[in-house]
Amino acid sequence: MPAGEALSLPSDDNRRLLFWRFINSDIGRLLVGFVLTTVVGTFLASWYSYQQWHREKEFEVIRLENEMAVVHVNDVNALLNTRLAKLRELYAAAINGNASDTPMKLSSYRASINSWNVELMLKSSIIERLFAANMHYRLFTNGKNEVPPVTVAGYFDRADREVFTILECANEHPCETTPARRQRAYMRRCYSWS
C-alpha cells in the first residue's frame, strides 16, 4: 500500500458479494454443512434421548405398579388361605366331635376373621385401584341374601353358618353325632355351594 493512502473498507455490496462467494466455495459449503449437521444432529439426538428416557420412566412406573399389585395379591391370597384353612380346621374338629380341640380352633378361626376384616379394610383402596372398581364389593360385601352367594365374603358367611350349626348341634346333648349325620352335614356343606 502506498504511503498516504487511507485504508478503504469494502462497501456493503462488496461484503455481500464476498460472503456469497465464500458460501459458494467448496470450503464454505463444507463449513455450512458441518454447522447444519451439528445443529440438526444435536436436536435429533436430544429429542431421541428424551423419548427414550420417557419410555424408560413409563416402563419403570408400570413395573413398580405390577410389583406392588403382585405383593397385594399375595397378601389377599394369604388372608383368604388363612381364613379358609382355619375354617377347615374348625369344621374338622366339629365333625369329629373333638370337644377338647374345638375351643382352640374356634378361637383361632375368630382371630383369622378379625385379621381378614382389618387387613382387607386397610387395603381396600389399593385393591380397587390396582384390580377393579368393584373388587371391594366382591371381597367384603356379605351377600347374606344372595342365593347362591356371589362374593367371597358371602361364601365365607354361608360356610360359617354351616360350621356353627354343626358346632351348636355338637354342644347339645340329644344331638346325634353318628357317621351318617356327619356325612349328611359334609354333603350339605359341599353341595350347598354349587
Protein backbone atom coordinates (compact mmCIF):
# COMPACT_ATOMS: atom_id res chain seq x y z
CA MET A 1 0.00 0.00 0.00
CA PRO A 2 1.47 3.34 -0.97
CA ALA A 3 2.13 5.84 1.73
CA GLY A 4 -0.51 8.42 2.21
CA GLU A 5 -3.39 6.23 1.01
CA ALA A 6 -6.10 5.51 3.52
CA LEU A 7 -7.26 2.02 4.19
CA SER A 8 -10.60 1.54 2.47
CA LEU A 9 -13.23 -0.91 3.72
CA PRO A 10 -15.38 -2.77 1.25
CA SER A 11 -18.85 -1.40 0.77
CA ASP A 12 -21.97 -3.29 1.82
CA ASP A 13 -22.46 -4.65 -1.68
CA ASN A 14 -18.87 -5.88 -1.76
CA ARG A 15 -19.31 -7.54 1.65
CA ARG A 16 -22.40 -9.40 0.47
CA LEU A 17 -20.58 -10.47 -2.64
CA LEU A 18 -17.61 -11.73 -0.62
CA PHE A 19 -19.93 -13.59 1.78
CA TRP A 20 -21.78 -15.38 -1.03
CA ARG A 21 -18.53 -16.20 -2.80
CA PHE A 22 -17.26 -17.75 0.42
CA ILE A 23 -20.53 -19.70 0.95
CA ASN A 24 -20.45 -20.97 -2.64
CA SER A 25 -16.84 -22.04 -2.41
CA ASP A 26 -16.02 -25.65 -1.50
CA ILE A 27 -14.71 -24.79 1.94
CA GLY A 28 -17.72 -22.60 2.67
CA ARG A 29 -20.16 -25.36 1.76
CA LEU A 30 -18.17 -27.76 3.91
CA LEU A 31 -18.34 -25.42 6.93
CA VAL A 32 -22.07 -24.72 6.42
CA GLY A 33 -22.68 -28.50 6.15
CA PHE A 34 -20.79 -29.11 9.41
CA VAL A 35 -22.75 -26.40 11.19
CA LEU A 36 -26.12 -27.62 9.91
CA THR A 37 -25.27 -31.27 10.64
CA THR A 38 -24.18 -30.37 14.16
CA VAL A 39 -27.30 -28.33 14.91
CA VAL A 40 -29.77 -30.82 13.39
CA GLY A 41 -27.89 -33.82 14.81
CA THR A 42 -27.83 -32.32 18.29
CA PHE A 43 -31.56 -31.58 18.10
CA LEU A 44 -32.39 -35.11 16.87
CA ALA A 45 -30.12 -36.76 19.48
CA SER A 46 -31.68 -34.69 22.26
CA TRP A 47 -35.20 -35.47 21.09
CA TYR A 48 -34.43 -39.19 20.77
CA SER A 49 -32.76 -39.38 24.20
CA TYR A 50 -35.75 -37.58 25.78
CA GLN A 51 -38.16 -40.03 24.12
CA GLN A 52 -36.03 -42.95 25.32
CA TRP A 53 -35.91 -41.55 28.87
CA HIS A 54 -39.68 -41.01 28.81
CA ARG A 55 -40.30 -44.62 27.68
CA GLU A 56 -37.94 -45.96 30.36
CA LYS A 57 -39.74 -43.96 33.05
CA GLU A 58 -43.15 -45.18 31.86
CA PHE A 59 -41.85 -48.75 31.88
CA GLU A 60 -40.41 -48.27 35.37
CA VAL A 61 -43.74 -46.94 36.67
CA ILE A 62 -45.63 -49.87 35.12
CA ARG A 63 -43.09 -52.35 36.50
CA LEU A 64 -43.37 -50.87 40.02
CA GLU A 65 -47.17 -50.92 39.86
CA ASN A 66 -47.09 -54.56 38.74
CA GLU A 67 -44.72 -55.47 41.57
CA MET A 68 -46.98 -53.68 44.05
CA ALA A 69 -50.01 -55.48 42.61
CA VAL A 70 -48.28 -58.85 42.99
CA VAL A 71 -47.44 -58.07 46.62
CA HIS A 72 -51.06 -57.11 47.34
CA VAL A 73 -52.42 -60.15 45.50
CA ASN A 74 -50.15 -62.33 47.63
CA ASP A 75 -51.34 -60.56 50.79
CA VAL A 76 -55.01 -61.02 49.89
CA ASN A 77 -54.31 -64.62 48.89
CA ALA A 78 -52.62 -65.26 52.23
CA LEU A 79 -55.64 -63.80 54.07
CA LEU A 80 -58.01 -65.99 52.05
CA ASN A 81 -55.90 -69.09 52.58
CA THR A 82 -55.54 -68.45 56.32
CA ARG A 83 -59.25 -67.93 56.85
CA LEU A 84 -60.15 -70.97 54.75
CA ALA A 85 -57.57 -73.18 56.50
CA LYS A 86 -58.82 -72.11 59.95
CA LEU A 87 -62.41 -72.73 58.86
CA ARG A 88 -61.48 -76.21 57.62
CA GLU A 89 -59.72 -76.97 60.92
CA LEU A 90 -62.79 -75.82 62.85
CA TYR A 91 -65.05 -77.88 60.59
CA ALA A 92 -62.90 -80.99 61.08
CA ALA A 93 -62.98 -80.51 64.86
CA ALA A 94 -66.77 -80.05 64.77
CA ILE A 95 -67.40 -83.09 62.57
CA ASN A 96 -65.08 -85.33 64.57
CA GLY A 97 -66.75 -84.29 67.79
CA ASN A 98 -63.41 -83.41 69.35
CA ALA A 99 -64.71 -81.24 72.21
CA SER A 100 -61.29 -80.52 73.68
CA ASP A 101 -59.86 -79.20 70.41
CA THR A 102 -62.90 -77.17 69.30
CA PRO A 103 -62.49 -74.07 71.58
CA MET A 104 -58.89 -73.61 70.46
CA LYS A 105 -59.86 -73.98 66.78
CA LEU A 106 -62.79 -71.61 67.27
CA SER A 107 -60.52 -69.00 68.87
CA SER A 108 -58.00 -69.40 66.04
CA TYR A 109 -60.75 -69.04 63.43
CA ARG A 110 -62.16 -65.90 65.07
CA ALA A 111 -58.65 -64.40 65.09
CA SER A 112 -58.39 -65.10 61.34
CA ILE A 113 -61.76 -63.37 60.80
CA ASN A 114 -60.52 -60.32 62.70
CA SER A 115 -57.31 -60.30 60.68
CA TRP A 116 -59.37 -60.65 57.47
CA ASN A 117 -61.60 -57.71 58.38
CA VAL A 118 -58.79 -55.39 59.45
CA GLU A 119 -56.33 -56.17 56.64
CA LEU A 120 -58.85 -56.02 53.83
CA MET A 121 -60.32 -52.76 55.08
CA LEU A 122 -56.83 -51.25 55.17
CA LYS A 123 -56.09 -52.48 51.66
CA SER A 124 -59.48 -51.78 50.10
CA SER A 125 -58.50 -48.60 48.24
CA ILE A 126 -55.29 -50.18 46.95
CA ILE A 127 -57.20 -53.28 45.86
CA GLU A 128 -59.75 -51.23 43.95
CA ARG A 129 -57.09 -49.05 42.31
CA LEU A 130 -54.93 -51.98 41.22
CA PHE A 131 -57.51 -54.60 40.28
CA ALA A 132 -61.06 -53.50 39.60
CA ALA A 133 -63.54 -50.88 40.74
CA ASN A 134 -65.92 -53.48 42.16
CA MET A 135 -63.29 -55.66 43.83
CA HIS A 136 -64.23 -54.20 47.23
CA TYR A 137 -67.77 -55.48 46.67
CA ARG A 138 -66.53 -58.93 45.64
CA LEU A 139 -64.39 -59.32 48.75
CA PHE A 140 -66.25 -57.50 51.53
CA THR A 141 -69.96 -57.49 50.83
CA ASN A 142 -71.51 -60.23 52.88
CA GLY A 143 -74.17 -61.22 50.38
CA LYS A 144 -76.31 -62.97 53.02
CA ASN A 145 -79.46 -62.53 50.98
CA GLU A 146 -77.98 -63.69 47.68
CA VAL A 147 -78.54 -67.31 46.72
CA PRO A 148 -76.08 -68.56 45.63
CA PRO A 149 -73.56 -66.12 47.10
CA VAL A 150 -71.72 -64.01 44.57
CA THR A 151 -68.96 -62.67 46.80
CA VAL A 152 -66.07 -64.23 48.69
CA ALA A 153 -67.48 -62.88 51.96
CA GLY A 154 -70.87 -64.37 51.08
CA TYR A 155 -69.36 -67.82 50.63
CA PHE A 156 -67.46 -67.47 53.90
CA ASP A 157 -70.65 -66.35 55.65
CA ARG A 158 -72.51 -69.37 54.32
CA ALA A 159 -69.73 -71.75 55.37
CA ASP A 160 -69.56 -70.08 58.80
CA ARG A 161 -73.26 -70.67 59.35
CA GLU A 162 -72.93 -74.32 58.35
CA VAL A 163 -69.98 -74.93 60.67
CA PHE A 164 -71.56 -73.07 63.57
CA THR A 165 -74.77 -75.07 63.07
CA ILE A 166 -72.71 -78.25 63.38
CA LEU A 167 -70.96 -76.85 66.47
CA GLU A 168 -74.29 -75.98 68.11
CA CYS A 169 -75.59 -79.45 67.39
CA ALA A 170 -72.43 -80.99 68.82
CA ASN A 171 -72.90 -79.00 72.04
CA GLU A 172 -76.46 -80.22 72.54
CA HIS A 173 -76.81 -83.46 74.43
CA PRO A 174 -79.63 -85.03 72.45
CA CYS A 175 -77.79 -84.32 69.16
CA GLU A 176 -76.60 -87.44 67.44
CA THR A 177 -73.04 -87.44 66.17
CA THR A 178 -73.31 -90.60 64.13
CA PRO A 179 -71.28 -91.19 60.98
CA ALA A 180 -74.45 -90.84 58.90
CA ARG A 181 -75.17 -87.40 60.38
CA ARG A 182 -71.57 -86.33 59.78
CA GLN A 183 -71.85 -87.49 56.19
CA ARG A 184 -75.09 -85.56 55.67
CA ALA A 185 -73.54 -82.40 57.15
CA TYR A 186 -70.50 -82.82 54.91
CA MET A 187 -72.64 -83.40 51.82
CA ARG A 188 -74.85 -80.42 52.68
CA ARG A 189 -71.73 -78.26 53.03
CA CYS A 190 -70.23 -79.45 49.74
CA TYR A 191 -73.31 -79.25 47.56
CA SER A 192 -74.89 -76.12 49.03
CA TRP A 193 -72.08 -74.01 47.48
CA SER A 194 -72.67 -75.15 43.91
